[in-house]
Structures are given as structure tokens and as C-alpha cells.
Amino acid sequence: MRTDTGHRIYIHNTNCSLVKSNGTNQHTLRLRVTHDCNRIDLRTRIRIEPKLWDKKRQKVKQGYNLNGNSYNDVNSTINTV
């Protein structure tokens, strides 16, 4: 996309989802970043049980702790990406 001044504006998108891990009921948090039609999948070291994950909001459900971190801390980290 170009503006009137000829500067290019890049559109990017970030999505969070869980990826199944072998041999455990906890899943790994994946960040998918799309920029200029290129997609990169980044797997974090954050492990979450699916019942604690809100798919629609792409956040940890309110009131839960993960490895000693409150849901607010984890969600804040997700928002800074």
C-alpha cells in the first residue's frame, strides 16, 4: 500500500495459538507473525493447558497462573509482540 506522499506502509498481523506437544496435556504457545505476505511461526517456551486458553481472544483465561506467572503477566507479554 502506498500513501499520497509515496511512502510505503507495511501491514502486519500477529496471531497466537496453541500447538500440541507430544506426551503431555500442555501445549506450546505459538506466535504467528505475518508481514508483507510472509509468515513466520515462533514457538515460545510458554506451555499452557488448552482449558486455560481463550481461543477467541488469543489470551490466557482470567484468574489462572502459569508457572508462577499471573495471567495478566503472560497476556501483557503476548501484547508486546
N, C-alpha and C. Protein backbone atom coordinates (compact mmCIF):
# COMPACT_ATOMS: atom_id res chain seq x y z
N MET A 1 0.85 -1.17 0.00
CA MET A 1 0.00 0.00 0.00
C MET A 1 0.89 1.23 0.00
N ARG A 2 0.53 2.23 -0.78
CA ARG A 2 1.29 3.47 -0.81
C ARG A 2 0.39 4.63 -0.40
N THR A 3 0.98 5.62 0.23
CA THR A 3 0.24 6.81 0.63
C THR A 3 0.40 7.87 -0.45
N ASP A 4 -0.24 9.01 -0.27
CA ASP A 4 -0.15 10.12 -1.23
C ASP A 4 1.29 10.61 -1.39
N THR A 5 2.08 10.51 -0.33
CA THR A 5 3.46 11.01 -0.38
C THR A 5 4.41 9.99 -0.96
N GLY A 6 3.93 8.82 -1.34
CA GLY A 6 4.78 7.80 -1.92
C GLY A 6 5.44 6.89 -0.91
N HIS A 7 5.18 7.10 0.38
CA HIS A 7 5.76 6.23 1.40
C HIS A 7 5.00 4.91 1.44
N ARG A 8 5.73 3.87 1.69
CA ARG A 8 5.14 2.54 1.75
C ARG A 8 4.71 2.24 3.18
N ILE A 9 3.52 1.69 3.32
CA ILE A 9 3.00 1.26 4.63
C ILE A 9 2.92 -0.26 4.60
N TYR A 10 3.58 -0.88 5.56
CA TYR A 10 3.56 -2.33 5.64
C TYR A 10 2.50 -2.76 6.65
N ILE A 11 1.71 -3.71 6.26
CA ILE A 11 0.68 -4.23 7.14
C ILE A 11 1.18 -5.57 7.69
N HIS A 12 1.08 -5.72 9.01
CA HIS A 12 1.48 -6.98 9.62
C HIS A 12 0.38 -7.44 10.56
N ASN A 13 0.43 -8.71 10.87
CA ASN A 13 -0.59 -9.31 11.71
C ASN A 13 0.09 -10.32 12.62
N THR A 14 -0.35 -10.40 13.87
CA THR A 14 0.18 -11.37 14.82
C THR A 14 -0.96 -12.18 15.39
N ASN A 15 -0.82 -13.51 15.36
CA ASN A 15 -1.82 -14.41 15.92
C ASN A 15 -1.15 -15.33 16.92
N CYS A 16 -1.88 -15.67 17.97
CA CYS A 16 -1.39 -16.62 18.98
C CYS A 16 -2.28 -17.85 18.96
N SER A 17 -1.66 -19.00 19.10
CA SER A 17 -2.42 -20.25 19.17
C SER A 17 -1.59 -21.28 19.91
N LEU A 18 -2.23 -22.41 20.22
CA LEU A 18 -1.54 -23.48 20.91
C LEU A 18 -1.19 -24.58 19.93
N VAL A 19 -0.01 -25.17 20.12
CA VAL A 19 0.45 -26.29 19.29
C VAL A 19 0.60 -27.50 20.20
N LYS A 20 0.01 -28.60 19.79
CA LYS A 20 0.03 -29.82 20.59
C LYS A 20 1.46 -30.29 20.82
N SER A 21 1.75 -30.68 22.07
CA SER A 21 3.05 -31.25 22.42
C SER A 21 2.90 -32.74 22.61
N ASN A 22 3.91 -33.48 22.26
CA ASN A 22 3.85 -34.94 22.40
C ASN A 22 3.98 -35.36 23.85
N GLY A 23 3.13 -36.28 24.27
CA GLY A 23 3.25 -36.90 25.58
C GLY A 23 2.85 -36.06 26.77
N THR A 24 2.19 -34.95 26.56
CA THR A 24 1.77 -34.11 27.69
C THR A 24 0.44 -33.44 27.35
N ASN A 25 -0.28 -33.05 28.39
CA ASN A 25 -1.55 -32.37 28.14
C ASN A 25 -1.36 -30.86 28.00
N GLN A 26 -0.14 -30.38 28.20
CA GLN A 26 0.14 -28.96 28.00
C GLN A 26 0.58 -28.73 26.56
N HIS A 27 0.16 -27.60 26.01
CA HIS A 27 0.51 -27.24 24.63
C HIS A 27 1.47 -26.05 24.65
N THR A 28 2.20 -25.88 23.58
CA THR A 28 3.14 -24.77 23.46
C THR A 28 2.45 -23.59 22.79
N LEU A 29 2.70 -22.39 23.32
CA LEU A 29 2.15 -21.17 22.73
C LEU A 29 2.95 -20.81 21.50
N ARG A 30 2.27 -20.64 20.38
CA ARG A 30 2.90 -20.27 19.12
C ARG A 30 2.46 -18.87 18.72
N LEU A 31 3.40 -18.06 18.28
CA LEU A 31 3.10 -16.75 17.72
C LEU A 31 3.32 -16.83 16.22
N ARG A 32 2.33 -16.45 15.46
CA ARG A 32 2.45 -16.42 14.01
C ARG A 32 2.42 -14.96 13.58
N VAL A 33 3.51 -14.54 12.97
CA VAL A 33 3.64 -13.15 12.53
C VAL A 33 3.60 -13.13 11.01
N THR A 34 2.72 -12.32 10.45
CA THR A 34 2.62 -12.15 9.01
C THR A 34 2.98 -10.71 8.68
N HIS A 35 3.94 -10.56 7.79
CA HIS A 35 4.40 -9.22 7.40
C HIS A 35 4.71 -9.23 5.91
N ASP A 36 4.08 -8.35 5.19
CA ASP A 36 4.32 -8.22 3.75
C ASP A 36 4.14 -9.56 3.04
N CYS A 37 3.08 -10.26 3.40
CA CYS A 37 2.69 -11.56 2.83
C CYS A 37 3.65 -12.69 3.17
N ASN A 38 4.55 -12.51 4.11
CA ASN A 38 5.45 -13.56 4.58
C ASN A 38 5.04 -13.95 5.99
N ARG A 39 5.04 -15.27 6.26
CA ARG A 39 4.59 -15.76 7.55
C ARG A 39 5.74 -16.47 8.26
N ILE A 40 5.86 -16.17 9.56
CA ILE A 40 6.87 -16.82 10.40
C ILE A 40 6.15 -17.35 11.64
N ASP A 41 6.41 -18.62 11.98
CA ASP A 41 5.86 -19.23 13.19
C ASP A 41 6.96 -19.27 14.24
N LEU A 42 6.68 -18.70 15.41
CA LEU A 42 7.62 -18.68 16.52
C LEU A 42 7.02 -19.46 17.68
N ARG A 43 7.70 -20.50 18.12
CA ARG A 43 7.23 -21.26 19.28
C ARG A 43 7.91 -20.72 20.53
N THR A 44 7.10 -20.38 21.51
CA THR A 44 7.64 -19.86 22.76
C THR A 44 7.92 -21.03 23.70
N ARG A 45 8.45 -20.74 24.84
CA ARG A 45 8.65 -21.76 25.87
C ARG A 45 7.48 -21.78 26.86
N ILE A 46 6.44 -21.05 26.54
CA ILE A 46 5.26 -20.99 27.40
C ILE A 46 4.39 -22.21 27.10
N ARG A 47 4.10 -22.99 28.13
CA ARG A 47 3.26 -24.19 27.98
C ARG A 47 1.96 -23.97 28.74
N ILE A 48 0.85 -24.27 28.07
CA ILE A 48 -0.48 -23.97 28.59
C ILE A 48 -1.39 -25.18 28.36
N GLU A 49 -2.21 -25.47 29.36
CA GLU A 49 -3.26 -26.47 29.16
C GLU A 49 -4.35 -25.82 28.32
N PRO A 50 -4.88 -26.55 27.35
CA PRO A 50 -5.91 -25.97 26.47
C PRO A 50 -7.12 -25.39 27.20
N LYS A 51 -7.48 -25.96 28.35
CA LYS A 51 -8.65 -25.45 29.07
C LYS A 51 -8.39 -24.06 29.67
N LEU A 52 -7.14 -23.63 29.75
CA LEU A 52 -6.79 -22.31 30.28
C LEU A 52 -6.65 -21.26 29.18
N TRP A 53 -6.82 -21.66 27.93
CA TRP A 53 -6.59 -20.77 26.79
C TRP A 53 -7.90 -20.33 26.17
N ASP A 54 -8.06 -19.03 25.92
CA ASP A 54 -9.22 -18.47 25.26
C ASP A 54 -8.88 -18.29 23.78
N LYS A 55 -9.38 -19.18 22.93
CA LYS A 55 -9.05 -19.14 21.50
C LYS A 55 -9.50 -17.85 20.83
N LYS A 56 -10.70 -17.42 21.17
CA LYS A 56 -11.26 -16.25 20.51
C LYS A 56 -10.45 -14.99 20.81
N ARG A 57 -10.08 -14.81 22.07
CA ARG A 57 -9.33 -13.61 22.48
C ARG A 57 -7.81 -13.79 22.32
N GLN A 58 -7.37 -15.04 22.11
CA GLN A 58 -5.95 -15.37 21.98
C GLN A 58 -5.17 -14.93 23.22
N LYS A 59 -5.72 -15.31 24.37
CA LYS A 59 -5.12 -14.96 25.65
C LYS A 59 -5.37 -16.07 26.67
N VAL A 60 -4.59 -16.02 27.77
CA VAL A 60 -4.83 -16.92 28.89
C VAL A 60 -6.11 -16.46 29.58
N LYS A 61 -6.95 -17.40 29.97
CA LYS A 61 -8.20 -17.06 30.63
C LYS A 61 -7.93 -16.38 31.97
N GLN A 62 -8.82 -15.47 32.32
CA GLN A 62 -8.70 -14.68 33.54
C GLN A 62 -8.70 -15.56 34.78
N GLY A 63 -7.80 -15.24 35.72
CA GLY A 63 -7.77 -15.91 37.01
C GLY A 63 -6.80 -17.07 37.12
N TYR A 64 -6.07 -17.40 36.05
CA TYR A 64 -5.17 -18.54 36.08
C TYR A 64 -3.72 -18.09 36.16
N ASN A 65 -2.88 -18.97 36.72
CA ASN A 65 -1.44 -18.74 36.79
C ASN A 65 -0.72 -19.80 35.96
N LEU A 66 0.35 -19.40 35.32
CA LEU A 66 1.19 -20.32 34.54
C LEU A 66 2.61 -20.26 35.07
N ASN A 67 3.07 -21.36 35.63
CA ASN A 67 4.45 -21.44 36.14
C ASN A 67 4.78 -20.27 37.08
N GLY A 68 3.85 -19.92 37.94
CA GLY A 68 4.09 -18.84 38.89
C GLY A 68 3.83 -17.45 38.35
N ASN A 69 3.46 -17.33 37.09
CA ASN A 69 3.15 -16.02 36.49
C ASN A 69 1.64 -15.88 36.36
N SER A 70 1.14 -14.71 36.71
CA SER A 70 -0.30 -14.49 36.60
C SER A 70 -0.71 -14.38 35.13
N TYR A 71 -1.97 -14.59 34.88
CA TYR A 71 -2.48 -14.48 33.52
C TYR A 71 -2.23 -13.09 32.96
N ASN A 72 -2.28 -12.05 33.82
CA ASN A 72 -2.01 -10.68 33.36
C ASN A 72 -0.60 -10.54 32.82
N ASP A 73 0.37 -11.14 33.51
CA ASP A 73 1.76 -11.06 33.06
C ASP A 73 1.96 -11.74 31.71
N VAL A 74 1.39 -12.92 31.57
CA VAL A 74 1.52 -13.65 30.30
C VAL A 74 0.83 -12.90 29.16
N ASN A 75 -0.37 -12.42 29.41
CA ASN A 75 -1.11 -11.68 28.38
C ASN A 75 -0.42 -10.37 28.02
N SER A 76 0.19 -9.71 28.98
CA SER A 76 0.95 -8.48 28.70
C SER A 76 2.13 -8.79 27.80
N THR A 77 2.80 -9.91 28.04
CA THR A 77 3.92 -10.31 27.20
C THR A 77 3.45 -10.58 25.79
N ILE A 78 2.32 -11.24 25.65
CA ILE A 78 1.77 -11.51 24.31
C ILE A 78 1.46 -10.20 23.59
N ASN A 79 0.92 -9.22 24.31
CA ASN A 79 0.55 -7.95 23.70
C ASN A 79 1.72 -7.12 23.22
N THR A 80 2.91 -7.36 23.79
CA THR A 80 4.07 -6.55 23.41
C THR A 80 4.75 -7.04 22.15
N VAL A 81 4.32 -8.18 21.64
CA VAL A 81 4.98 -8.74 20.45
C VAL A 81 4.61 -7.95 19.22
